[in-house]
Amino acid sequence: MYSHMESQFKNSKDHGEAGNLINEYGIKPSNALHVAVMKTHSISNIALEDKELDKIKDIKRMWLE
């Protein structure tokens, strides 16, 4: 069903950036890929309950407390 999306990211520089983020911040791979894609598209805000991304200064996590 999502094979078109999978192939889009398979050879993407986002995976390399995600690896860098994992090494630098020690975040989960899924969060690292989200941040890598956000950086590619100049997105700095994310609605996420997981506070792990608070470690990254260029990302603003928003959630209803």
PDB file of N, CA and C in Angstrom:
ATOM      1  N   MET A   1       0.828  -1.201   0.000  1.00  0.00           N
ATOM      2  CA  MET A   1       0.000   0.000   0.000  1.00  0.00           C
ATOM      3  C   MET A   1       0.866   1.257   0.000  1.00  0.00           C
ATOM      4  N   TYR A   2       1.956   1.268   0.761  1.00  0.00           N
ATOM      5  CA  TYR A   2       2.796   2.453   0.846  1.00  0.00           C
ATOM      6  C   TYR A   2       4.125   2.259   0.125  1.00  0.00           C
ATOM      7  N   SER A   3       4.189   1.355  -0.814  1.00  0.00           N
ATOM      8  CA  SER A   3       5.457   1.050  -1.471  1.00  0.00           C
ATOM      9  C   SER A   3       6.043   2.273  -2.174  1.00  0.00           C
ATOM     10  N   HIS A   4       5.210   3.171  -2.675  1.00  0.00           N
ATOM     11  CA  HIS A   4       5.720   4.378  -3.325  1.00  0.00           C
ATOM     12  C   HIS A   4       6.459   5.271  -2.327  1.00  0.00           C
ATOM     13  N   MET A   5       5.985   5.317  -1.081  1.00  0.00           N
ATOM     14  CA  MET A   5       6.652   6.123  -0.065  1.00  0.00           C
ATOM     15  C   MET A   5       7.954   5.453   0.372  1.00  0.00           C
ATOM     16  N   GLU A   6       7.934   4.141   0.506  1.00  0.00           N
ATOM     17  CA  GLU A   6       9.126   3.421   0.922  1.00  0.00           C
ATOM     18  C   GLU A   6      10.251   3.631  -0.080  1.00  0.00           C
ATOM     19  N   SER A   7       9.936   3.539  -1.369  1.00  0.00           N
ATOM     20  CA  SER A   7      10.980   3.710  -2.381  1.00  0.00           C
ATOM     21  C   SER A   7      11.472   5.156  -2.434  1.00  0.00           C
ATOM     22  N   GLN A   8      10.633   6.099  -2.065  1.00  0.00           N
ATOM     23  CA  GLN A   8      11.030   7.506  -2.071  1.00  0.00           C
ATOM     24  C   GLN A   8      12.133   7.766  -1.056  1.00  0.00           C
ATOM     25  N   PHE A   9      12.082   7.101   0.098  1.00  0.00           N
ATOM     26  CA  PHE A   9      13.054   7.346   1.154  1.00  0.00           C
ATOM     27  C   PHE A   9      14.229   6.372   1.133  1.00  0.00           C
ATOM     28  N   LYS A  10      14.134   5.312   0.359  1.00  0.00           N
ATOM     29  CA  LYS A  10      15.151   4.275   0.377  1.00  0.00           C
ATOM     30  C   LYS A  10      16.537   4.827   0.030  1.00  0.00           C
ATOM     31  N   ASN A  11      16.634   5.693  -0.938  1.00  0.00           N
ATOM     32  CA  ASN A  11      17.921   6.235  -1.370  1.00  0.00           C
ATOM     33  C   ASN A  11      18.085   7.696  -0.971  1.00  0.00           C
ATOM     34  N   SER A  12      17.331   8.098   0.011  1.00  0.00           N
ATOM     35  CA  SER A  12      17.301   9.492   0.401  1.00  0.00           C
ATOM     36  C   SER A  12      18.452   9.851   1.336  1.00  0.00           C
ATOM     37  N   LYS A  13      18.904  11.083   1.241  1.00  0.00           N
ATOM     38  CA  LYS A  13      19.925  11.588   2.169  1.00  0.00           C
ATOM     39  C   LYS A  13      19.382  11.681   3.588  1.00  0.00           C
ATOM     40  N   ASP A  14      18.057  11.601   3.723  1.00  0.00           N
ATOM     41  CA  ASP A  14      17.449  11.667   5.051  1.00  0.00           C
ATOM     42  C   ASP A  14      17.917  10.525   5.945  1.00  0.00           C
ATOM     43  N   HIS A  15      18.159   9.353   5.373  1.00  0.00           N
ATOM     44  CA  HIS A  15      18.634   8.234   6.183  1.00  0.00           C
ATOM     45  C   HIS A  15      20.011   8.529   6.761  1.00  0.00           C
ATOM     46  N   GLY A  16      20.888   9.125   5.972  1.00  0.00           N
ATOM     47  CA  GLY A  16      22.213   9.488   6.473  1.00  0.00           C
ATOM     48  C   GLY A  16      22.124  10.524   7.575  1.00  0.00           C
ATOM     49  N   GLU A  17      21.270  11.502   7.366  1.00  0.00           N
ATOM     50  CA  GLU A  17      21.066  12.537   8.391  1.00  0.00           C
ATOM     51  C   GLU A  17      20.463  11.936   9.651  1.00  0.00           C
ATOM     52  N   ALA A  18      19.549  10.985   9.493  1.00  0.00           N
ATOM     53  CA  ALA A  18      18.950  10.321  10.654  1.00  0.00           C
ATOM     54  C   ALA A  18      20.032   9.602  11.458  1.00  0.00           C
ATOM     55  N   GLY A  19      20.951   8.945  10.773  1.00  0.00           N
ATOM     56  CA  GLY A  19      22.061   8.282  11.461  1.00  0.00           C
ATOM     57  C   GLY A  19      22.911   9.263  12.239  1.00  0.00           C
ATOM     58  N   ASN A  20      23.173  10.419  11.643  1.00  0.00           N
ATOM     59  CA  ASN A  20      23.938  11.462  12.337  1.00  0.00           C
ATOM     60  C   ASN A  20      23.216  11.929  13.600  1.00  0.00           C
ATOM     61  N   LEU A  21      21.901  12.089  13.503  1.00  0.00           N
ATOM     62  CA  LEU A  21      21.108  12.544  14.650  1.00  0.00           C
ATOM     63  C   LEU A  21      21.090  11.495  15.765  1.00  0.00           C
ATOM     64  N   ILE A  22      21.014  10.231  15.378  1.00  0.00           N
ATOM     65  CA  ILE A  22      21.055   9.152  16.376  1.00  0.00           C
ATOM     66  C   ILE A  22      22.378   9.205  17.131  1.00  0.00           C
ATOM     67  N   ASN A  23      23.464   9.355  16.392  1.00  0.00           N
ATOM     68  CA  ASN A  23      24.791   9.408  17.023  1.00  0.00           C
ATOM     69  C   ASN A  23      24.981  10.647  17.883  1.00  0.00           C
ATOM     70  N   GLU A  24      24.496  11.773  17.403  1.00  0.00           N
ATOM     71  CA  GLU A  24      24.710  13.038  18.113  1.00  0.00           C
ATOM     72  C   GLU A  24      23.818  13.190  19.345  1.00  0.00           C
ATOM     73  N   TYR A  25      22.544  12.815  19.220  1.00  0.00           N
ATOM     74  CA  TYR A  25      21.585  13.075  20.299  1.00  0.00           C
ATOM     75  C   TYR A  25      21.113  11.814  21.023  1.00  0.00           C
ATOM     76  N   GLY A  26      21.421  10.638  20.482  1.00  0.00           N
ATOM     77  CA  GLY A  26      20.981   9.404  21.106  1.00  0.00           C
ATOM     78  C   GLY A  26      19.474   9.211  21.073  1.00  0.00           C
ATOM     79  N   ILE A  27      18.828   9.690  20.003  1.00  0.00           N
ATOM     80  CA  ILE A  27      17.375   9.574  19.899  1.00  0.00           C
ATOM     81  C   ILE A  27      16.992   8.304  19.142  1.00  0.00           C
ATOM     82  N   LYS A  28      15.730   7.926  19.257  1.00  0.00           N
ATOM     83  CA  LYS A  28      15.214   6.736  18.580  1.00  0.00           C
ATOM     84  C   LYS A  28      15.292   6.918  17.061  1.00  0.00           C
ATOM     85  N   PRO A  29      15.508   5.825  16.337  1.00  0.00           N
ATOM     86  CA  PRO A  29      15.576   5.921  14.870  1.00  0.00           C
ATOM     87  C   PRO A  29      14.334   6.554  14.239  1.00  0.00           C
ATOM     88  N   SER A  30      13.158   6.233  14.742  1.00  0.00           N
ATOM     89  CA  SER A  30      11.942   6.819  14.160  1.00  0.00           C
ATOM     90  C   SER A  30      11.920   8.335  14.344  1.00  0.00           C
ATOM     91  N   ASN A  31      12.305   8.805  15.531  1.00  0.00           N
ATOM     92  CA  ASN A  31      12.358  10.254  15.763  1.00  0.00           C
ATOM     93  C   ASN A  31      13.450  10.891  14.915  1.00  0.00           C
ATOM     94  N   ALA A  32      14.574  10.197  14.762  1.00  0.00           N
ATOM     95  CA  ALA A  32      15.666  10.732  13.954  1.00  0.00           C
ATOM     96  C   ALA A  32      15.241  10.905  12.502  1.00  0.00           C
ATOM     97  N   LEU A  33      14.495   9.950  11.969  1.00  0.00           N
ATOM     98  CA  LEU A  33      14.029  10.073  10.589  1.00  0.00           C
ATOM     99  C   LEU A  33      13.023  11.208  10.458  1.00  0.00           C
ATOM    100  N   HIS A  34      12.145  11.365  11.454  1.00  0.00           N
ATOM    101  CA  HIS A  34      11.202  12.491  11.424  1.00  0.00           C
ATOM    102  C   HIS A  34      11.958  13.819  11.374  1.00  0.00           C
ATOM    103  N   VAL A  35      12.966  13.964  12.227  1.00  0.00           N
ATOM    104  CA  VAL A  35      13.726  15.218  12.278  1.00  0.00           C
ATOM    105  C   VAL A  35      14.504  15.437  10.984  1.00  0.00           C
ATOM    106  N   ALA A  36      15.073  14.378  10.434  1.00  0.00           N
ATOM    107  CA  ALA A  36      15.819  14.514   9.174  1.00  0.00           C
ATOM    108  C   ALA A  36      14.918  15.017   8.055  1.00  0.00           C
ATOM    109  N   VAL A  37      13.733  14.454   7.955  1.00  0.00           N
ATOM    110  CA  VAL A  37      12.778  14.891   6.926  1.00  0.00           C
ATOM    111  C   VAL A  37      12.324  16.322   7.208  1.00  0.00           C
ATOM    112  N   MET A  38      12.105  16.649   8.483  1.00  0.00           N
ATOM    113  CA  MET A  38      11.725  18.016   8.842  1.00  0.00           C
ATOM    114  C   MET A  38      12.792  19.010   8.407  1.00  0.00           C
ATOM    115  N   LYS A  39      14.051  18.674   8.648  1.00  0.00           N
ATOM    116  CA  LYS A  39      15.143  19.572   8.260  1.00  0.00           C
ATOM    117  C   LYS A  39      15.202  19.738   6.743  1.00  0.00           C
ATOM    118  N   THR A  40      15.002  18.661   6.012  1.00  0.00           N
ATOM    119  CA  THR A  40      15.011  18.718   4.548  1.00  0.00           C
ATOM    120  C   THR A  40      13.969  19.705   4.029  1.00  0.00           C
ATOM    121  N   HIS A  41      12.836  19.762   4.715  1.00  0.00           N
ATOM    122  CA  HIS A  41      11.724  20.601   4.262  1.00  0.00           C
ATOM    123  C   HIS A  41      11.568  21.879   5.086  1.00  0.00           C
ATOM    124  N   SER A  42      12.599  22.230   5.861  1.00  0.00           N
ATOM    125  CA  SER A  42      12.607  23.459   6.667  1.00  0.00           C
ATOM    126  C   SER A  42      11.407  23.550   7.609  1.00  0.00           C
ATOM    127  N   ILE A  43      11.084  22.446   8.244  1.00  0.00           N
ATOM    128  CA  ILE A  43       9.994  22.401   9.222  1.00  0.00           C
ATOM    129  C   ILE A  43      10.631  22.352  10.602  1.00  0.00           C
ATOM    130  N   SER A  44      10.192  23.217  11.503  1.00  0.00           N
ATOM    131  CA  SER A  44      10.809  23.248  12.828  1.00  0.00           C
ATOM    132  C   SER A  44       9.842  22.896  13.959  1.00  0.00           C
ATOM    133  N   ASN A  45       8.550  22.809  13.684  1.00  0.00           N
ATOM    134  CA  ASN A  45       7.564  22.500  14.717  1.00  0.00           C
ATOM    135  C   ASN A  45       6.993  21.112  14.512  1.00  0.00           C
ATOM    136  N   ILE A  46       6.795  20.399  15.625  1.00  0.00           N
ATOM    137  CA  ILE A  46       6.195  19.072  15.553  1.00  0.00           C
ATOM    138  C   ILE A  46       5.280  18.876  16.758  1.00  0.00           C
ATOM    139  N   ALA A  47       4.128  18.257  16.532  1.00  0.00           N
ATOM    140  CA  ALA A  47       3.216  17.888  17.616  1.00  0.00           C
ATOM    141  C   ALA A  47       3.571  16.459  18.012  1.00  0.00           C
ATOM    142  N   LEU A  48       4.138  16.317  19.200  1.00  0.00           N
ATOM    143  CA  LEU A  48       4.650  15.018  19.625  1.00  0.00           C
ATOM    144  C   LEU A  48       4.649  14.944  21.142  1.00  0.00           C
ATOM    145  N   GLU A  49       4.130  13.857  21.682  1.00  0.00           N
ATOM    146  CA  GLU A  49       4.112  13.686  23.127  1.00  0.00           C
ATOM    147  C   GLU A  49       5.497  13.325  23.665  1.00  0.00           C
ATOM    148  N   ASP A  50       6.278  12.620  22.888  1.00  0.00           N
ATOM    149  CA  ASP A  50       7.615  12.158  23.280  1.00  0.00           C
ATOM    150  C   ASP A  50       8.554  13.352  23.471  1.00  0.00           C
ATOM    151  N   LYS A  51       9.086  13.524  24.672  1.00  0.00           N
ATOM    152  CA  LYS A  51       9.936  14.670  24.990  1.00  0.00           C
ATOM    153  C   LYS A  51      11.366  14.519  24.484  1.00  0.00           C
ATOM    154  N   GLU A  52      11.672  13.404  23.855  1.00  0.00           N
ATOM    155  CA  GLU A  52      13.023  13.132  23.375  1.00  0.00           C
ATOM    156  C   GLU A  52      13.541  14.214  22.422  1.00  0.00           C
ATOM    157  N   LEU A  53      12.671  14.792  21.634  1.00  0.00           N
ATOM    158  CA  LEU A  53      13.113  15.792  20.659  1.00  0.00           C
ATOM    159  C   LEU A  53      13.419  17.145  21.294  1.00  0.00           C
ATOM    160  N   ASP A  54      13.141  17.297  22.576  1.00  0.00           N
ATOM    161  CA  ASP A  54      13.491  18.532  23.269  1.00  0.00           C
ATOM    162  C   ASP A  54      15.007  18.720  23.314  1.00  0.00           C
ATOM    163  N   LYS A  55      15.773  17.668  23.072  1.00  0.00           N
ATOM    164  CA  LYS A  55      17.236  17.739  23.050  1.00  0.00           C
ATOM    165  C   LYS A  55      17.758  18.526  21.851  1.00  0.00           C
ATOM    166  N   ILE A  56      16.943  18.660  20.818  1.00  0.00           N
ATOM    167  CA  ILE A  56      17.389  19.267  19.558  1.00  0.00           C
ATOM    168  C   ILE A  56      16.920  20.715  19.516  1.00  0.00           C
ATOM    169  N   LYS A  57      17.878  21.637  19.539  1.00  0.00           N
ATOM    170  CA  LYS A  57      17.530  23.052  19.697  1.00  0.00           C
ATOM    171  C   LYS A  57      16.740  23.634  18.524  1.00  0.00           C
ATOM    172  N   ASP A  58      16.922  23.107  17.319  1.00  0.00           N
ATOM    173  CA  ASP A  58      16.221  23.659  16.147  1.00  0.00           C
ATOM    174  C   ASP A  58      14.801  23.142  15.987  1.00  0.00           C
ATOM    175  N   ILE A  59      14.396  22.230  16.865  1.00  0.00           N
ATOM    176  CA  ILE A  59      13.062  21.622  16.774  1.00  0.00           C
ATOM    177  C   ILE A  59      12.233  22.086  17.963  1.00  0.00           C
ATOM    178  N   LYS A  60      11.022  22.539  17.667  1.00  0.00           N
ATOM    179  CA  LYS A  60      10.119  22.942  18.737  1.00  0.00           C
ATOM    180  C   LYS A  60       8.993  21.916  18.808  1.00  0.00           C
ATOM    181  N   ARG A  61       8.970  21.182  19.916  1.00  0.00           N
ATOM    182  CA  ARG A  61       7.946  20.182  20.154  1.00  0.00           C
ATOM    183  C   ARG A  61       6.767  20.839  20.841  1.00  0.00           C
ATOM    184  N   MET A  62       5.579  20.573  20.347  1.00  0.00           N
ATOM    185  CA  MET A  62       4.365  21.125  20.940  1.00  0.00           C
ATOM    186  C   MET A  62       3.451  19.986  21.347  1.00  0.00           C
ATOM    187  N   TRP A  63       2.859  20.121  22.524  1.00  0.00           N
ATOM    188  CA  TRP A  63       1.913  19.121  22.998  1.00  0.00           C
ATOM    189  C   TRP A  63       1.033  19.764  24.054  1.00  0.00           C
ATOM    190  N   LEU A  64      -0.194  19.294  24.153  1.00  0.00           N
ATOM    191  CA  LEU A  64      -1.091  19.795  25.183  1.00  0.00           C
ATOM    192  C   LEU A  64      -0.717  19.145  26.500  1.00  0.00           C
ATOM    193  N   GLU A  65      -0.352  19.937  27.467  1.00  0.00           N
ATOM    194  CA  GLU A  65       0.069  19.406  28.778  1.00  0.00           C
ATOM    195  C   GLU A  65      -1.097  19.358  29.719  1.00  0.00           C
TER     196      GLU A  65
END
